[in-house]
Amino acid sequence: MTLSIKELIVEADRCVACGLCLPHCPTYRKTGSEADSPRGRIQLMRAVAQETLPNNTRFNEHIDLCLSCRSCESACPNNVSYGALVDTTRALYIPKKSSLSALVKILIRSRFFANTIIALIWIVQQCGLSSVLKRINPAAKVLPMVKKPTVWKSLYPANSEKKGAVSLFLGCAGNAFDAQTLQASIQVLNQLGYDVYIPAQQTCCGGIARQMGDAKGSSKLIAQNQSSFDVSLPVLTTVSGCGAGLKDYLPTHKIQDISAFLMACDWSNVDIKPLHEQIYVQDPCTLRNVLKSHQAVYSLLKKIPNTTVTALAGNSQCCGGAGVYMLTQSEMANSLLSHKLDAINTHNVAILATSNIGCHLHIANGLREKGLNVSVMHPIQIIAKQMRPAG
C-alpha cells in the first residue's frame, strides 16, 4: 500500500538496522554501499520525510537503484514493509521519467493503443526489419518475436466436467509479449474442468506506474481492476510481478499465481506425456518474496514423467529485469544478469522456466546477445505441451 508521510516515518522506525537484510540485497552486494542497502535506504527515506536530509539527486539515485525485489522483506525479523516504503517514497519524492513515462502510459492504460503498437511491431518483424526498430529505439532489443494481438473472448468454457470457474488476469506486458502463455493457461484450465472468464475492462496491475512514482495513475488502474473482476472468483496471474502488485493493492480479491492454483486441482482426468529433459527453473523475486508460491512451480513441472526439475544456481538473487528497471538502470540490470547467464552456460541449460515476463524478456535478451540457444518458457507453456486428455 501507499503510505502517508507520517505512516512512512512510523514504518521506517520499525527497522532496527540489524543488517540481516544486507546479504539478500542485490544492489548492496554489487556496490557495497550502505546507502544501496535496505536499511540504508530506509534511513534515507525517513530522513527525507522528516526533512533532516534534502530530497536531492544523490537521494534519488539511491532509491532509483532499488529493484523492489523485496528479498529484504523475507529476511527481516521485524517484518518491515519495505515495499510500501519504497513505493511511497517514489510517489512522494522521486521525479517522474517524462519521456519513458509517456510511452508507458500509452501501453498500460489503453489496450487499443497497446494492441496497435504490437501489431505494428509484428508487421515490422514479419518484414525482417527488426534491426531498423532497434536503431530507432535501442530498448527494442529486449523484444521477443511477437504474435499478432489476440482478441480475447469473455468466457472460455471447460471442455470436461465442470469443476469451477476462475478469472484470468492478462496484464499489459504479458498480453503484449506473452499471449502464448495466456493461451496455454486457458487450455490447461479448460482441460482440468474450469471455466475461464476474461473481463474486458481489466487493465494493467499498476506496478510499472508505481515503480515510476506515479501513485495517482497506479490508483486509477487498481480501481478499474477492482470494478472489473468478480470478487467471488479467484483471479489467476501468469506474471508474478502483476500478482504481487495485485496482492498488495487489491486485497478485496483472491489473487493467486496460476501454478499455485493448479497444484490444488484434480489432475485425474488428464494424461501427461513424458519429457526426457532437464528443466531448470528461475525463481522471479516477486514469486518468491511476495506471493511465496515459487515451490508450486517445481511441483507442477514434476508432474511431467521422466523430467528432472532443477533450481537455477543463484535463484535467491534478482536477475535485474524488475519491470522497466532493465531500461532505466541498464548497467546494474546487466551486471546482475551476468550471473544468471553464467549459471545457464555452466550447466548447459536447454530449457529454462520462469513465471515473470520481465525476467523472461531480460534473460532471453541476454541469451541472444551471448549466442546461447536456450528455450525460455513459462512453466504453464511446458505443462500445456505435455498434457493430453485421459484415454
Protein backbone atom coordinates (compact mmCIF):
# COMPACT_ATOMS: atom_id res chain seq x y z
CA MET A 1 0.00 0.00 0.00
CA THR A 2 0.98 3.66 -0.38
CA LEU A 3 1.55 5.39 2.97
CA SER A 4 1.19 8.93 4.22
CA ILE A 5 4.36 10.77 5.28
CA LYS A 6 3.50 10.11 8.92
CA GLU A 7 2.91 6.42 8.24
CA LEU A 8 6.17 6.24 6.28
CA ILE A 9 8.11 7.59 9.26
CA VAL A 10 6.37 5.20 11.67
CA GLU A 11 7.06 2.19 9.43
CA ALA A 12 10.67 3.24 8.88
CA ASP A 13 11.13 3.45 12.65
CA ARG A 14 10.32 -0.26 12.87
CA CYS A 15 13.63 -1.07 11.16
CA VAL A 16 16.12 -1.94 13.91
CA ALA A 17 19.09 -1.79 11.48
CA CYS A 18 20.13 -5.34 12.38
CA GLY A 19 21.70 -5.88 8.96
CA LEU A 20 20.18 -9.30 8.29
CA CYS A 21 18.86 -7.89 5.01
CA LEU A 22 22.29 -6.91 3.67
CA PRO A 23 23.38 -10.21 2.06
CA HIS A 24 19.96 -10.53 0.43
CA CYS A 25 20.07 -7.15 -1.32
CA PRO A 26 21.34 -7.38 -4.94
CA THR A 27 22.45 -3.75 -5.17
CA TYR A 28 24.28 -3.79 -1.84
CA ARG A 29 26.15 -6.92 -2.91
CA LYS A 30 27.26 -5.07 -6.02
CA THR A 31 28.14 -1.61 -4.68
CA GLY A 32 28.98 -2.36 -1.03
CA SER A 33 27.39 1.00 -0.18
CA GLU A 34 25.21 1.24 2.91
CA ALA A 35 23.05 3.74 1.00
CA ASP A 36 22.27 0.98 -1.50
CA SER A 37 21.16 -1.46 1.19
CA PRO A 38 17.60 -1.84 2.52
CA ARG A 39 18.39 -0.49 5.98
CA GLY A 40 20.41 2.35 4.49
CA ARG A 41 17.63 3.32 2.12
CA ILE A 42 15.11 3.17 4.97
CA GLN A 43 17.22 5.60 6.99
CA LEU A 44 17.43 7.90 3.97
CA MET A 45 13.68 7.71 3.36
CA ARG A 46 12.93 8.60 6.97
CA ALA A 47 15.44 11.45 7.00
CA VAL A 48 13.98 12.98 3.82
CA ALA A 49 10.43 12.52 5.13
CA GLN A 50 11.45 14.29 8.35
CA GLU A 51 13.26 16.96 6.29
CA THR A 52 16.56 16.36 8.07
CA LEU A 53 18.12 15.47 4.69
CA PRO A 54 17.33 17.12 1.35
CA ASN A 55 15.48 15.37 -1.44
CA ASN A 56 18.35 15.75 -3.88
CA THR A 57 19.90 13.95 -6.83
CA ARG A 58 22.00 11.61 -4.67
CA PHE A 59 18.94 10.53 -2.70
CA ASN A 60 17.02 9.92 -5.94
CA GLU A 61 19.87 7.81 -7.32
CA HIS A 62 19.94 5.51 -4.30
CA ILE A 63 16.16 5.00 -4.39
CA ASP A 64 16.06 4.54 -8.17
CA LEU A 65 18.77 1.87 -7.94
CA CYS A 66 16.47 -0.30 -5.80
CA LEU A 67 14.94 -3.18 -7.78
CA SER A 68 11.95 -3.61 -5.45
CA CYS A 69 12.81 -7.33 -5.39
CA ARG A 70 11.80 -7.36 -1.70
CA SER A 71 14.27 -10.04 -0.74
CA CYS A 72 14.89 -7.89 2.32
CA GLU A 73 11.31 -8.45 3.47
CA SER A 74 11.85 -12.21 3.50
CA ALA A 75 14.93 -11.76 5.70
CA CYS A 76 13.56 -9.07 8.04
CA PRO A 77 12.87 -10.37 11.57
CA ASN A 78 10.60 -7.39 12.26
CA ASN A 79 8.56 -7.75 9.04
CA VAL A 80 9.16 -4.17 7.95
CA SER A 81 7.04 -3.37 4.87
CA TYR A 82 9.89 -2.25 2.65
CA GLY A 83 7.75 -2.48 -0.49
CA ALA A 84 5.28 0.05 0.87
CA LEU A 85 8.15 2.32 1.98
CA VAL A 86 9.83 2.42 -1.42
CA ASP A 87 6.53 2.74 -3.33
CA THR A 88 5.55 5.71 -1.16
CA THR A 89 8.96 7.33 -1.45
CA ARG A 90 8.91 7.10 -5.23
CA ALA A 91 5.42 8.60 -5.31
CA LEU A 92 6.30 11.49 -2.99
CA TYR A 93 9.89 12.38 -3.76
CA ILE A 94 11.20 10.87 -7.00
CA PRO A 95 10.63 12.90 -10.21
CA LYS A 96 8.76 11.11 -12.99
CA LYS A 97 10.76 9.98 -16.03
CA SER A 98 8.77 12.03 -18.53
CA SER A 99 9.81 10.54 -21.90
CA LEU A 100 9.60 6.92 -20.83
CA SER A 101 6.54 7.68 -18.70
CA ALA A 102 4.60 8.96 -21.72
CA LEU A 103 5.26 5.77 -23.70
CA VAL A 104 4.49 3.53 -20.74
CA LYS A 105 1.19 5.33 -20.11
CA ILE A 106 0.09 4.53 -23.65
CA LEU A 107 0.99 0.87 -23.30
CA ILE A 108 -0.54 0.25 -19.88
CA ARG A 109 -3.67 2.39 -19.98
CA SER A 110 -5.15 1.65 -23.39
CA ARG A 111 -5.33 -1.88 -24.73
CA PHE A 112 -6.41 -0.48 -28.10
CA PHE A 113 -3.25 1.61 -28.48
CA ALA A 114 -1.11 -1.15 -26.99
CA ASN A 115 -2.50 -3.66 -29.49
CA THR A 116 -1.97 -1.17 -32.31
CA ILE A 117 1.69 -0.75 -31.35
CA ILE A 118 2.17 -4.51 -31.02
CA ALA A 119 0.54 -5.05 -34.42
CA LEU A 120 2.98 -2.56 -35.95
CA ILE A 121 5.92 -4.32 -34.26
CA TRP A 122 4.63 -7.66 -35.56
CA ILE A 123 4.48 -6.28 -39.10
CA VAL A 124 8.00 -4.87 -38.82
CA GLN A 125 9.33 -8.20 -37.55
CA GLN A 126 7.50 -10.17 -40.24
CA CYS A 127 9.12 -7.93 -42.85
CA GLY A 128 12.56 -8.68 -41.41
CA LEU A 129 13.10 -5.09 -40.27
CA SER A 130 13.77 -5.69 -36.55
CA SER A 131 17.21 -4.08 -36.89
CA VAL A 132 15.55 -0.86 -38.05
CA LEU A 133 13.33 -0.89 -34.99
CA LYS A 134 16.39 -1.31 -32.72
CA ARG A 135 18.12 1.64 -34.40
CA ILE A 136 15.07 3.82 -33.82
CA ASN A 137 14.85 2.78 -30.17
CA PRO A 138 17.63 0.68 -28.55
CA ALA A 139 15.12 -0.52 -25.93
CA ALA A 140 13.53 -2.62 -28.71
CA LYS A 141 16.40 -5.11 -28.35
CA VAL A 142 14.58 -6.74 -25.42
CA LEU A 143 11.53 -7.51 -27.56
CA PRO A 144 10.86 -11.14 -28.48
CA MET A 145 9.23 -12.17 -31.75
CA VAL A 146 5.71 -11.01 -31.01
CA LYS A 147 2.43 -12.57 -32.07
CA LYS A 148 -0.48 -10.75 -33.67
CA PRO A 149 -2.59 -9.16 -30.90
CA THR A 150 -5.14 -11.63 -29.56
CA VAL A 151 -8.85 -10.80 -29.40
CA TRP A 152 -9.90 -12.46 -26.17
CA LYS A 153 -13.35 -13.93 -25.56
CA SER A 154 -15.10 -13.07 -22.32
CA LEU A 155 -15.56 -16.77 -21.48
CA TYR A 156 -13.69 -19.96 -22.33
CA PRO A 157 -15.89 -22.81 -21.03
CA ALA A 158 -14.48 -26.01 -19.54
CA ASN A 159 -14.14 -28.83 -22.07
CA SER A 160 -14.58 -31.55 -19.46
CA GLU A 161 -16.77 -31.97 -16.39
CA LYS A 162 -17.01 -28.50 -14.85
CA LYS A 163 -15.25 -28.20 -11.50
CA GLY A 164 -15.22 -24.46 -11.04
CA ALA A 165 -14.55 -21.07 -12.57
CA VAL A 166 -11.73 -18.54 -12.44
CA SER A 167 -10.83 -15.12 -13.80
CA LEU A 168 -7.61 -14.72 -15.79
CA PHE A 169 -5.56 -11.54 -15.48
CA LEU A 170 -3.99 -10.54 -18.80
CA GLY A 171 -1.65 -7.76 -17.73
CA CYS A 172 -0.03 -5.32 -20.18
CA ALA A 173 3.40 -6.82 -20.93
CA GLY A 174 2.05 -10.36 -20.59
CA ASN A 175 -0.77 -9.66 -23.03
CA ALA A 176 1.56 -7.89 -25.46
CA PHE A 177 4.60 -10.17 -25.41
CA ASP A 178 3.48 -13.50 -23.96
CA ALA A 179 -0.01 -14.24 -25.26
CA GLN A 180 1.08 -17.86 -25.79
CA THR A 181 1.30 -18.34 -22.02
CA LEU A 182 -2.19 -16.92 -21.56
CA GLN A 183 -3.49 -19.25 -24.28
CA ALA A 184 -1.72 -22.20 -22.63
CA SER A 185 -3.28 -21.23 -19.30
CA ILE A 186 -6.77 -21.29 -20.81
CA GLN A 187 -6.04 -24.68 -22.40
CA VAL A 188 -4.84 -26.23 -19.15
CA LEU A 189 -7.65 -24.75 -17.03
CA ASN A 190 -10.35 -25.80 -19.51
CA GLN A 191 -8.96 -29.31 -19.68
CA LEU A 192 -8.99 -29.54 -15.89
CA GLY A 193 -12.66 -28.52 -15.83
CA TYR A 194 -12.56 -24.77 -15.19
CA ASP A 195 -14.47 -22.03 -16.96
CA VAL A 196 -12.11 -19.13 -17.62
CA TYR A 197 -13.51 -15.60 -17.55
CA ILE A 198 -11.56 -12.70 -19.05
CA PRO A 199 -13.15 -9.36 -18.05
CA ALA A 200 -12.90 -6.97 -20.99
CA GLN A 201 -12.41 -3.87 -18.82
CA GLN A 202 -9.41 -5.17 -16.88
CA THR A 203 -6.20 -3.18 -17.22
CA CYS A 204 -2.55 -3.03 -16.08
CA CYS A 205 -1.88 -4.04 -12.48
CA GLY A 206 -0.35 -0.61 -11.77
CA GLY A 207 3.08 -1.95 -10.86
CA ILE A 208 5.04 -0.11 -13.55
CA ALA A 209 3.28 3.17 -12.74
CA ARG A 210 4.20 2.75 -9.06
CA GLN A 211 7.79 1.92 -9.96
CA MET A 212 7.94 5.20 -11.88
CA GLY A 213 6.47 7.17 -8.97
CA ASP A 214 3.01 7.65 -10.49
CA ALA A 215 0.83 6.80 -7.50
CA LYS A 216 -2.22 8.60 -8.94
CA GLY A 217 -2.04 6.67 -12.19
CA SER A 218 -1.50 3.41 -10.34
CA SER A 219 -4.54 4.04 -8.12
CA LYS A 220 -6.74 4.56 -11.20
CA LEU A 221 -5.59 1.27 -12.67
CA ILE A 222 -6.22 -0.59 -9.42
CA ALA A 223 -9.69 0.95 -9.14
CA GLN A 224 -10.53 -0.16 -12.68
CA ASN A 225 -9.39 -3.71 -11.95
CA GLN A 226 -11.34 -3.75 -8.71
CA SER A 227 -14.56 -2.99 -10.56
CA SER A 228 -13.74 -5.39 -13.43
CA PHE A 229 -13.21 -8.68 -11.59
CA ASP A 230 -15.88 -10.76 -9.86
CA VAL A 231 -14.88 -10.85 -6.21
CA SER A 232 -16.28 -14.38 -5.86
CA LEU A 233 -13.80 -15.88 -8.37
CA PRO A 234 -10.06 -16.44 -7.93
CA VAL A 235 -8.01 -14.06 -10.05
CA LEU A 236 -5.15 -16.02 -11.62
CA THR A 237 -1.98 -14.34 -12.82
CA THR A 238 0.69 -15.70 -15.16
CA VAL A 239 3.06 -12.80 -14.43
CA SER A 240 4.33 -12.88 -10.85
CA GLY A 241 5.07 -9.14 -10.90
CA CYS A 242 1.40 -8.47 -11.63
CA GLY A 243 0.35 -10.97 -9.00
CA ALA A 244 2.49 -9.26 -6.37
CA GLY A 245 1.08 -5.83 -7.19
CA LEU A 246 -2.50 -7.07 -7.16
CA LYS A 247 -1.96 -8.90 -3.89
CA ASP A 248 -0.63 -5.71 -2.27
CA TYR A 249 -3.15 -3.28 -3.72
CA LEU A 250 -6.28 -5.33 -4.46
CA PRO A 251 -6.97 -7.08 -1.13
CA THR A 252 -10.68 -7.43 -1.92
CA HIS A 253 -9.96 -10.26 -4.37
CA LYS A 254 -8.29 -13.65 -4.05
CA ILE A 255 -5.11 -13.31 -6.11
CA GLN A 256 -3.20 -16.48 -6.98
CA ASP A 257 -0.29 -17.37 -9.20
CA ILE A 258 -1.55 -19.89 -11.71
CA SER A 259 0.98 -22.58 -10.77
CA ALA A 260 -0.13 -22.45 -7.13
CA PHE A 261 -3.79 -22.69 -8.16
CA LEU A 262 -3.14 -25.65 -10.47
CA MET A 263 -1.39 -27.59 -7.71
CA ALA A 264 -4.70 -27.65 -5.81
CA CYS A 265 -6.62 -29.01 -8.82
CA ASP A 266 -7.68 -32.58 -9.60
CA TRP A 267 -5.44 -33.92 -12.39
CA SER A 268 -7.07 -37.36 -12.67
CA ASN A 269 -8.79 -36.53 -15.99
CA VAL A 270 -5.58 -35.86 -17.93
CA ASP A 271 -2.52 -37.76 -19.01
CA ILE A 272 0.85 -36.07 -19.20
CA LYS A 273 3.32 -37.16 -21.86
CA PRO A 274 6.87 -37.93 -20.68
CA LEU A 275 9.58 -35.42 -21.41
CA HIS A 276 13.13 -36.74 -21.30
CA GLU A 277 14.67 -33.36 -20.49
CA GLN A 278 16.10 -31.45 -17.58
CA ILE A 279 14.16 -28.28 -16.83
CA TYR A 280 15.90 -25.52 -14.90
CA VAL A 281 13.72 -23.06 -13.00
CA GLN A 282 14.45 -19.38 -12.41
CA ASP A 283 12.55 -18.00 -9.41
CA PRO A 284 11.24 -14.47 -10.00
CA CYS A 285 11.69 -12.29 -6.93
CA THR A 286 8.00 -11.40 -6.79
CA LEU A 287 7.01 -15.08 -6.86
CA ARG A 288 9.49 -15.97 -4.13
CA ASN A 289 9.31 -12.93 -1.85
CA VAL A 290 5.76 -11.60 -2.22
CA LEU A 291 3.47 -14.35 -3.48
CA LYS A 292 5.64 -17.02 -1.82
CA SER A 293 4.47 -19.53 -4.43
CA HIS A 294 7.75 -20.50 -6.08
CA GLN A 295 7.70 -24.08 -4.82
CA ALA A 296 4.45 -24.69 -6.69
CA VAL A 297 6.31 -24.31 -9.99
CA TYR A 298 8.64 -27.20 -9.16
CA SER A 299 5.75 -29.39 -8.00
CA LEU A 300 3.79 -28.63 -11.16
CA LEU A 301 6.66 -29.42 -13.52
CA LYS A 302 7.39 -32.64 -11.64
CA LYS A 303 4.02 -33.91 -12.83
CA ILE A 304 5.74 -34.47 -16.19
CA PRO A 305 7.12 -38.05 -16.26
CA ASN A 306 10.83 -38.59 -16.88
CA THR A 307 11.65 -34.93 -16.33
CA THR A 308 14.26 -33.62 -13.93
CA VAL A 309 13.39 -30.25 -12.40
CA THR A 310 16.30 -28.24 -11.01
CA ALA A 311 16.63 -24.79 -9.47
CA LEU A 312 18.95 -22.49 -11.41
CA ALA A 313 22.05 -21.64 -9.37
CA GLY A 314 21.75 -18.28 -7.61
CA ASN A 315 17.96 -18.28 -7.56
CA SER A 316 17.81 -16.18 -4.41
CA GLN A 317 19.26 -13.18 -6.26
CA CYS A 318 17.41 -10.93 -8.71
CA CYS A 319 18.07 -11.25 -12.46
CA GLY A 320 17.89 -7.47 -12.90
CA GLY A 321 14.73 -7.39 -15.02
CA ALA A 322 12.40 -5.75 -12.49
CA GLY A 323 9.83 -4.17 -14.81
CA VAL A 324 11.28 -1.13 -16.58
CA TYR A 325 14.44 -1.33 -14.42
CA MET A 326 16.24 -3.17 -17.24
CA LEU A 327 15.76 0.00 -19.32
CA THR A 328 16.20 2.72 -16.70
CA GLN A 329 19.11 1.10 -14.82
CA SER A 330 20.67 -0.99 -17.58
CA GLU A 331 24.20 -1.06 -16.11
CA MET A 332 23.12 -2.63 -12.82
CA ALA A 333 20.50 -4.78 -14.57
CA ASN A 334 23.09 -6.27 -16.91
CA SER A 335 25.59 -6.77 -14.12
CA LEU A 336 23.03 -8.84 -12.20
CA LEU A 337 22.01 -10.67 -15.37
CA SER A 338 25.58 -11.80 -15.99
CA HIS A 339 25.38 -14.18 -13.01
CA LYS A 340 22.26 -15.84 -14.44
CA LEU A 341 23.86 -16.19 -17.86
CA ASP A 342 26.99 -17.72 -16.31
CA ALA A 343 24.86 -20.25 -14.41
CA ILE A 344 22.91 -21.12 -17.57
CA ASN A 345 26.08 -21.54 -19.59
CA THR A 346 27.91 -23.53 -16.89
CA HIS A 347 25.09 -26.07 -16.54
CA ASN A 348 24.35 -26.29 -20.28
CA VAL A 349 20.72 -25.35 -19.69
CA ALA A 350 18.44 -26.21 -22.62
CA ILE A 351 15.05 -25.36 -21.07
CA LEU A 352 14.56 -22.54 -18.57
CA ALA A 353 11.20 -21.98 -16.87
CA THR A 354 10.30 -18.58 -15.42
CA SER A 355 6.98 -17.18 -14.22
CA ASN A 356 7.52 -13.48 -14.89
CA ILE A 357 7.54 -11.74 -18.27
CA GLY A 358 10.11 -9.15 -17.10
CA CYS A 359 12.58 -11.90 -16.15
CA HIS A 360 11.80 -13.70 -19.40
CA LEU A 361 12.49 -10.67 -21.62
CA HIS A 362 15.66 -9.69 -19.75
CA ILE A 363 17.17 -13.18 -19.65
CA ALA A 364 16.17 -14.04 -23.22
CA ASN A 365 17.78 -10.84 -24.50
CA GLY A 366 21.00 -11.67 -22.63
CA LEU A 367 20.99 -15.17 -24.08
CA ARG A 368 20.59 -13.82 -27.61
CA GLU A 369 23.47 -11.42 -27.13
CA LYS A 370 25.66 -14.29 -25.86
CA GLY A 371 24.60 -16.58 -28.69
CA LEU A 372 23.23 -19.17 -26.25
CA ASN A 373 20.41 -21.37 -27.58
CA VAL A 374 18.06 -21.83 -24.64
CA SER A 375 14.26 -22.22 -24.66
CA VAL A 376 12.87 -19.77 -22.10
CA MET A 377 9.25 -20.60 -21.32
CA HIS A 378 6.60 -20.10 -18.70
CA PRO A 379 6.03 -23.36 -16.76
CA ILE A 380 2.41 -23.34 -17.97
CA GLN A 381 3.58 -23.47 -21.57
CA ILE A 382 5.70 -26.50 -20.76
CA ILE A 383 2.91 -28.34 -18.95
CA ALA A 384 0.37 -27.49 -21.67
CA LYS A 385 2.54 -29.05 -24.36
CA GLN A 386 2.71 -32.31 -22.42
CA MET A 387 -0.97 -32.57 -21.49
CA ARG A 388 -3.47 -34.78 -23.31
CA PRO A 389 -6.98 -35.90 -22.37
CA ALA A 390 -7.21 -39.14 -20.41
CA GLY A 391 -7.65 -42.11 -22.72
